[in-house]
Amino acid sequence: MSAVAWSTIASLATALGTLVLAVATFSAVRSSNLMAKVAQQQLLVQLRPILTTTRREDPVIKANFGDKKWVHIPGGGAVGEVGPGDGSLGPDTPVVYLALGLRNAGSGVAVLHGWRFFPGWRRDVEHAPLEEFQRQNRDLYIPTGDTGFWQGAYRDTEAVGYDEARKTIEAGEPWTVELLYGDHEGVQRAVSRFTALPRASIVSDTDTDAGADTDAGPDSGTGTGTRWIATASRHWNIDRPDPR
């Protein structure tokens, strides 16, 4: 065999070896990237919250609105009241107070970012645009596998949504709130929709179903009025593909 032939064979063998090495490197990099992606997904799952309503047997939550207003949120329930607040807007200015008991069924801490109120039972297949959500004035955290609450208030009588919210609560009609929240890293945002359905009743200091508390604090919300049963109806992913 001539020297030229041996040289050609050597070149082909070198090229084949380089190709095999390239394929092996590509496979290793691809496998490494896949494993990194799987590990990242596993980490995100461990941090991902999902909010739903509290159970009927869950303890009553007592919440303050940063003024003299206190409310009791029974298990599986919501609160809607109209009152004067702390008087900072005038002694006769009615403030619309809204609250909802929440349970975190996910595996990560939930941090509430904002809310959007709707009068009536909202059934649209899409959530409200994110720019319409009102930002929370305080950080609200819902621990993993535990309960917490959401609260919102209309204090400005000129604010968009004040009139319809006040009329809805005073009439004891159903109302809906969509909550925007995410994990404690500020990602994996989601929107969950909750509806409060009225159940007219008399709430007394001994009404255990209402979760009365003798240490309620001022203006605890006990008395005659409408109570609401809360339901969760739909969830949307914001930063990830939607499951539907």
Protein backbone atom coordinates (compact mmCIF):
# COMPACT_ATOMS: atom_id res chain seq x y z
CA MET A 1 0.00 0.00 0.00
CA SER A 2 1.39 3.38 -0.95
CA ALA A 3 2.27 6.15 1.48
CA VAL A 4 -0.51 8.29 0.02
CA ALA A 5 -3.08 5.61 0.87
CA TRP A 6 -1.79 5.29 4.44
CA SER A 7 -1.91 9.06 4.81
CA THR A 8 -5.53 9.11 3.60
CA ILE A 9 -6.53 6.32 5.99
CA ALA A 10 -4.85 8.12 8.89
CA SER A 11 -6.68 11.35 8.05
CA LEU A 12 -10.03 9.54 7.86
CA ALA A 13 -9.37 7.79 11.16
CA THR A 14 -8.49 11.10 12.80
CA ALA A 15 -11.63 12.73 11.39
CA LEU A 16 -13.77 9.79 12.58
CA GLY A 17 -12.24 10.00 16.06
CA THR A 18 -12.89 13.73 16.17
CA LEU A 19 -16.49 13.16 15.10
CA VAL A 20 -17.03 10.50 17.77
CA LEU A 21 -15.52 12.79 20.38
CA ALA A 22 -17.76 15.65 19.25
CA VAL A 23 -20.86 13.45 19.45
CA ALA A 24 -19.87 12.23 22.91
CA THR A 25 -19.22 15.81 24.07
CA PHE A 26 -22.56 16.98 22.67
CA SER A 27 -24.39 14.13 24.40
CA ALA A 28 -22.64 14.85 27.69
CA VAL A 29 -23.44 18.58 27.50
CA ARG A 30 -27.03 17.86 26.54
CA SER A 31 -27.41 15.38 29.39
CA SER A 32 -25.83 17.85 31.80
CA ASN A 33 -28.18 20.62 30.66
CA LEU A 34 -31.14 18.29 31.02
CA MET A 35 -30.12 17.30 34.54
CA ALA A 36 -29.62 20.96 35.45
CA LYS A 37 -33.07 21.78 34.09
CA VAL A 38 -34.63 18.89 36.04
CA ALA A 39 -32.87 20.05 39.21
CA GLN A 40 -34.10 23.60 38.64
CA GLN A 41 -37.66 22.38 38.11
CA GLN A 42 -37.47 20.31 41.29
CA LEU A 43 -36.27 23.37 43.22
CA LEU A 44 -39.08 25.51 41.80
CA VAL A 45 -41.66 22.88 42.73
CA GLN A 46 -40.34 22.94 46.31
CA LEU A 47 -40.83 26.72 46.39
CA ARG A 48 -44.19 26.84 44.59
CA PRO A 49 -47.26 27.99 46.57
CA ILE A 50 -50.90 27.39 45.70
CA LEU A 51 -53.65 29.14 47.63
CA THR A 52 -57.12 27.87 48.40
CA THR A 53 -59.72 28.59 51.08
CA THR A 54 -59.42 27.50 54.68
CA ARG A 55 -61.41 24.50 55.90
CA ARG A 56 -64.51 24.83 58.04
CA GLU A 57 -62.68 23.16 60.93
CA ASP A 58 -59.70 25.53 60.73
CA PRO A 59 -59.36 27.98 63.65
CA VAL A 60 -60.76 31.47 63.41
CA ILE A 61 -58.29 34.12 62.26
CA LYS A 62 -58.39 37.53 63.93
CA ALA A 63 -57.04 40.28 61.69
CA ASN A 64 -56.43 43.98 62.14
CA PHE A 65 -56.49 46.50 59.28
CA GLY A 66 -53.82 48.81 60.66
CA ASP A 67 -56.39 50.99 62.38
CA LYS A 68 -59.01 50.31 65.06
CA LYS A 69 -60.78 47.78 62.90
CA TRP A 70 -60.63 44.07 63.82
CA VAL A 71 -62.44 41.21 62.11
CA HIS A 72 -62.88 37.50 62.72
CA ILE A 73 -62.45 35.25 59.69
CA PRO A 74 -64.11 31.87 60.34
CA GLY A 75 -62.81 28.67 58.78
CA GLY A 76 -63.95 28.42 55.18
CA GLY A 77 -65.26 31.96 55.31
CA ALA A 78 -64.73 35.56 54.29
CA VAL A 79 -65.55 38.95 55.79
CA GLY A 80 -67.10 42.03 54.24
CA GLU A 81 -67.99 45.04 56.36
CA VAL A 82 -68.54 48.77 56.00
CA GLY A 83 -67.49 50.97 58.92
CA PRO A 84 -65.87 54.30 59.90
CA GLY A 85 -62.34 52.92 60.39
CA ASP A 86 -59.99 54.99 62.55
CA GLY A 87 -61.56 58.30 61.58
CA SER A 88 -58.50 59.52 59.66
CA LEU A 89 -60.73 60.18 56.66
CA GLY A 90 -63.40 61.81 58.80
CA PRO A 91 -65.75 60.32 61.40
CA ASP A 92 -68.50 59.74 58.85
CA THR A 93 -66.40 58.23 56.04
CA PRO A 94 -67.47 54.60 55.50
CA VAL A 95 -64.55 52.26 54.81
CA VAL A 96 -65.14 48.97 52.97
CA TYR A 97 -63.25 46.16 54.71
CA LEU A 98 -62.67 42.83 52.96
CA ALA A 99 -60.91 39.72 54.26
CA LEU A 100 -60.56 36.08 53.28
CA GLY A 101 -59.18 33.03 55.07
CA LEU A 102 -56.51 31.23 53.05
CA ARG A 103 -54.71 27.89 53.19
CA ASN A 104 -51.45 27.24 51.35
CA ALA A 105 -51.74 23.83 49.70
CA GLY A 106 -48.39 24.21 47.92
CA SER A 107 -44.86 23.43 49.04
CA GLY A 108 -43.50 26.98 49.27
CA VAL A 109 -44.33 30.13 51.21
CA ALA A 110 -46.88 32.34 49.46
CA VAL A 111 -46.38 36.11 49.34
CA LEU A 112 -49.43 38.16 48.38
CA HIS A 113 -48.78 40.95 45.87
CA GLY A 114 -52.16 42.43 44.97
CA TRP A 115 -55.90 42.01 44.54
CA ARG A 116 -58.79 42.84 42.24
CA PHE A 117 -62.37 43.06 43.54
CA PHE A 118 -65.48 42.26 41.49
CA PRO A 119 -69.11 42.57 42.57
CA GLY A 120 -71.13 39.41 42.06
CA TRP A 121 -70.02 35.93 41.10
CA ARG A 122 -67.38 36.35 38.38
CA ARG A 123 -67.15 33.45 35.95
CA ASP A 124 -64.90 34.79 33.17
CA VAL A 125 -62.36 32.29 31.91
CA GLU A 126 -59.57 34.89 32.07
CA HIS A 127 -58.29 36.76 35.09
CA ALA A 128 -58.20 40.55 35.25
CA PRO A 129 -55.23 42.34 33.60
CA LEU A 130 -52.32 42.57 36.03
CA GLU A 131 -52.27 46.37 35.79
CA GLU A 132 -55.74 46.45 37.38
CA PHE A 133 -54.60 44.73 40.56
CA GLN A 134 -54.24 46.89 43.68
CA ARG A 135 -50.94 46.45 45.46
CA GLN A 136 -50.99 45.19 49.04
CA ASN A 137 -50.10 47.88 51.57
CA ARG A 138 -48.48 45.29 53.83
CA ASP A 139 -46.64 42.03 53.23
CA LEU A 140 -48.91 39.04 53.80
CA TYR A 141 -47.28 35.61 53.99
CA ILE A 142 -49.06 32.25 54.00
CA PRO A 143 -46.81 29.48 55.39
CA THR A 144 -46.56 26.10 53.69
CA GLY A 145 -49.34 23.76 54.75
CA ASP A 146 -50.77 26.38 57.08
CA THR A 147 -53.43 29.07 57.16
CA GLY A 148 -53.33 32.83 56.83
CA PHE A 149 -55.46 35.58 55.41
CA TRP A 150 -55.85 38.21 52.76
CA GLN A 151 -57.22 41.65 53.55
CA GLY A 152 -58.06 44.69 51.48
CA ALA A 153 -59.91 47.93 52.06
CA TYR A 154 -61.44 50.80 50.14
CA ARG A 155 -60.75 53.90 52.24
CA ASP A 156 -61.02 56.55 49.54
CA THR A 157 -64.63 57.20 48.55
CA GLU A 158 -63.40 58.51 45.18
CA ALA A 159 -61.38 55.39 44.39
CA VAL A 160 -62.34 53.24 41.43
CA GLY A 161 -64.45 50.35 42.67
CA TYR A 162 -65.44 51.93 46.00
CA ASP A 163 -69.10 52.47 45.15
CA GLU A 164 -69.72 49.00 43.75
CA ALA A 165 -67.84 47.35 46.61
CA ARG A 166 -69.81 49.28 49.23
CA LYS A 167 -73.15 48.56 47.58
CA THR A 168 -72.29 44.86 47.28
CA ILE A 169 -71.29 44.47 50.94
CA GLU A 170 -74.17 46.52 52.32
CA ALA A 171 -76.65 44.53 50.23
CA GLY A 172 -75.13 41.23 51.36
CA GLU A 173 -74.55 40.08 47.79
CA PRO A 174 -71.88 37.71 46.42
CA TRP A 175 -68.49 39.14 45.59
CA THR A 176 -65.31 37.91 43.96
CA VAL A 177 -61.66 38.72 44.52
CA GLU A 178 -58.67 37.66 42.42
CA LEU A 179 -55.38 37.45 44.28
CA LEU A 180 -51.94 37.86 42.73
CA TYR A 181 -49.17 36.10 44.63
CA GLY A 182 -45.84 34.33 44.21
CA ASP A 183 -43.11 32.52 46.14
CA HIS A 184 -40.75 34.23 48.57
CA GLU A 185 -38.21 34.73 45.76
CA GLY A 186 -40.72 36.94 43.94
CA VAL A 187 -41.23 34.52 41.03
CA GLN A 188 -43.67 31.76 40.09
CA ARG A 189 -46.51 34.25 40.24
CA ALA A 190 -50.06 33.01 40.06
CA VAL A 191 -53.59 34.38 40.23
CA SER A 192 -56.31 32.59 42.16
CA ARG A 193 -59.98 33.55 42.09
CA PHE A 194 -62.15 33.35 45.19
CA THR A 195 -65.88 33.94 45.51
CA ALA A 196 -67.67 34.89 48.73
CA LEU A 197 -71.27 33.67 48.87
CA PRO A 198 -73.56 35.24 51.50
CA ARG A 199 -75.16 33.29 54.30
CA ALA A 200 -77.42 35.49 56.41
CA SER A 201 -77.14 34.69 60.10
CA ILE A 202 -77.07 36.09 63.60
CA VAL A 203 -73.55 36.20 64.98
CA SER A 204 -73.40 36.14 68.75
CA ASP A 205 -70.58 35.98 71.26
CA THR A 206 -71.34 32.29 71.83
CA ASP A 207 -71.64 31.32 68.19
CA THR A 208 -68.79 28.85 67.83
CA ASP A 209 -69.41 28.42 64.12
CA ALA A 210 -68.70 32.12 63.61
CA GLY A 211 -65.55 31.71 65.65
CA ALA A 212 -66.37 34.34 68.25
CA ASP A 213 -63.44 35.26 70.47
CA THR A 214 -63.86 37.00 73.78
CA ASP A 215 -60.43 38.55 73.25
CA ALA A 216 -61.37 40.00 69.92
CA GLY A 217 -59.97 43.44 70.32
CA PRO A 218 -61.89 46.60 69.42
CA ASP A 219 -64.58 46.43 66.78
CA SER A 220 -64.13 42.71 66.29
CA GLY A 221 -66.90 42.31 63.77
CA THR A 222 -69.27 40.34 65.97
CA GLY A 223 -72.91 41.34 65.86
CA THR A 224 -75.79 41.02 63.45
CA GLY A 225 -74.88 40.94 59.78
CA THR A 226 -74.10 38.92 56.70
CA ARG A 227 -71.50 36.16 56.72
CA TRP A 228 -69.86 34.80 53.60
CA ILE A 229 -68.72 31.31 52.70
CA ALA A 230 -65.56 31.40 50.57
CA THR A 231 -64.88 29.17 47.58
CA ALA A 232 -61.88 28.89 45.24
CA SER A 233 -62.86 28.56 41.60
CA ARG A 234 -59.84 28.96 39.30
CA HIS A 235 -56.05 29.32 39.25
CA TRP A 236 -53.75 30.78 36.58
CA ASN A 237 -49.96 30.64 36.18
CA ILE A 238 -48.36 33.96 35.28
CA ASP A 239 -44.65 33.13 34.93
CA ARG A 240 -45.12 29.54 33.71
CA PRO A 241 -47.22 27.83 31.04
CA ASP A 242 -50.84 27.52 32.08
CA PRO A 243 -52.01 23.93 32.64
CA ARG A 244 -55.19 24.50 30.61
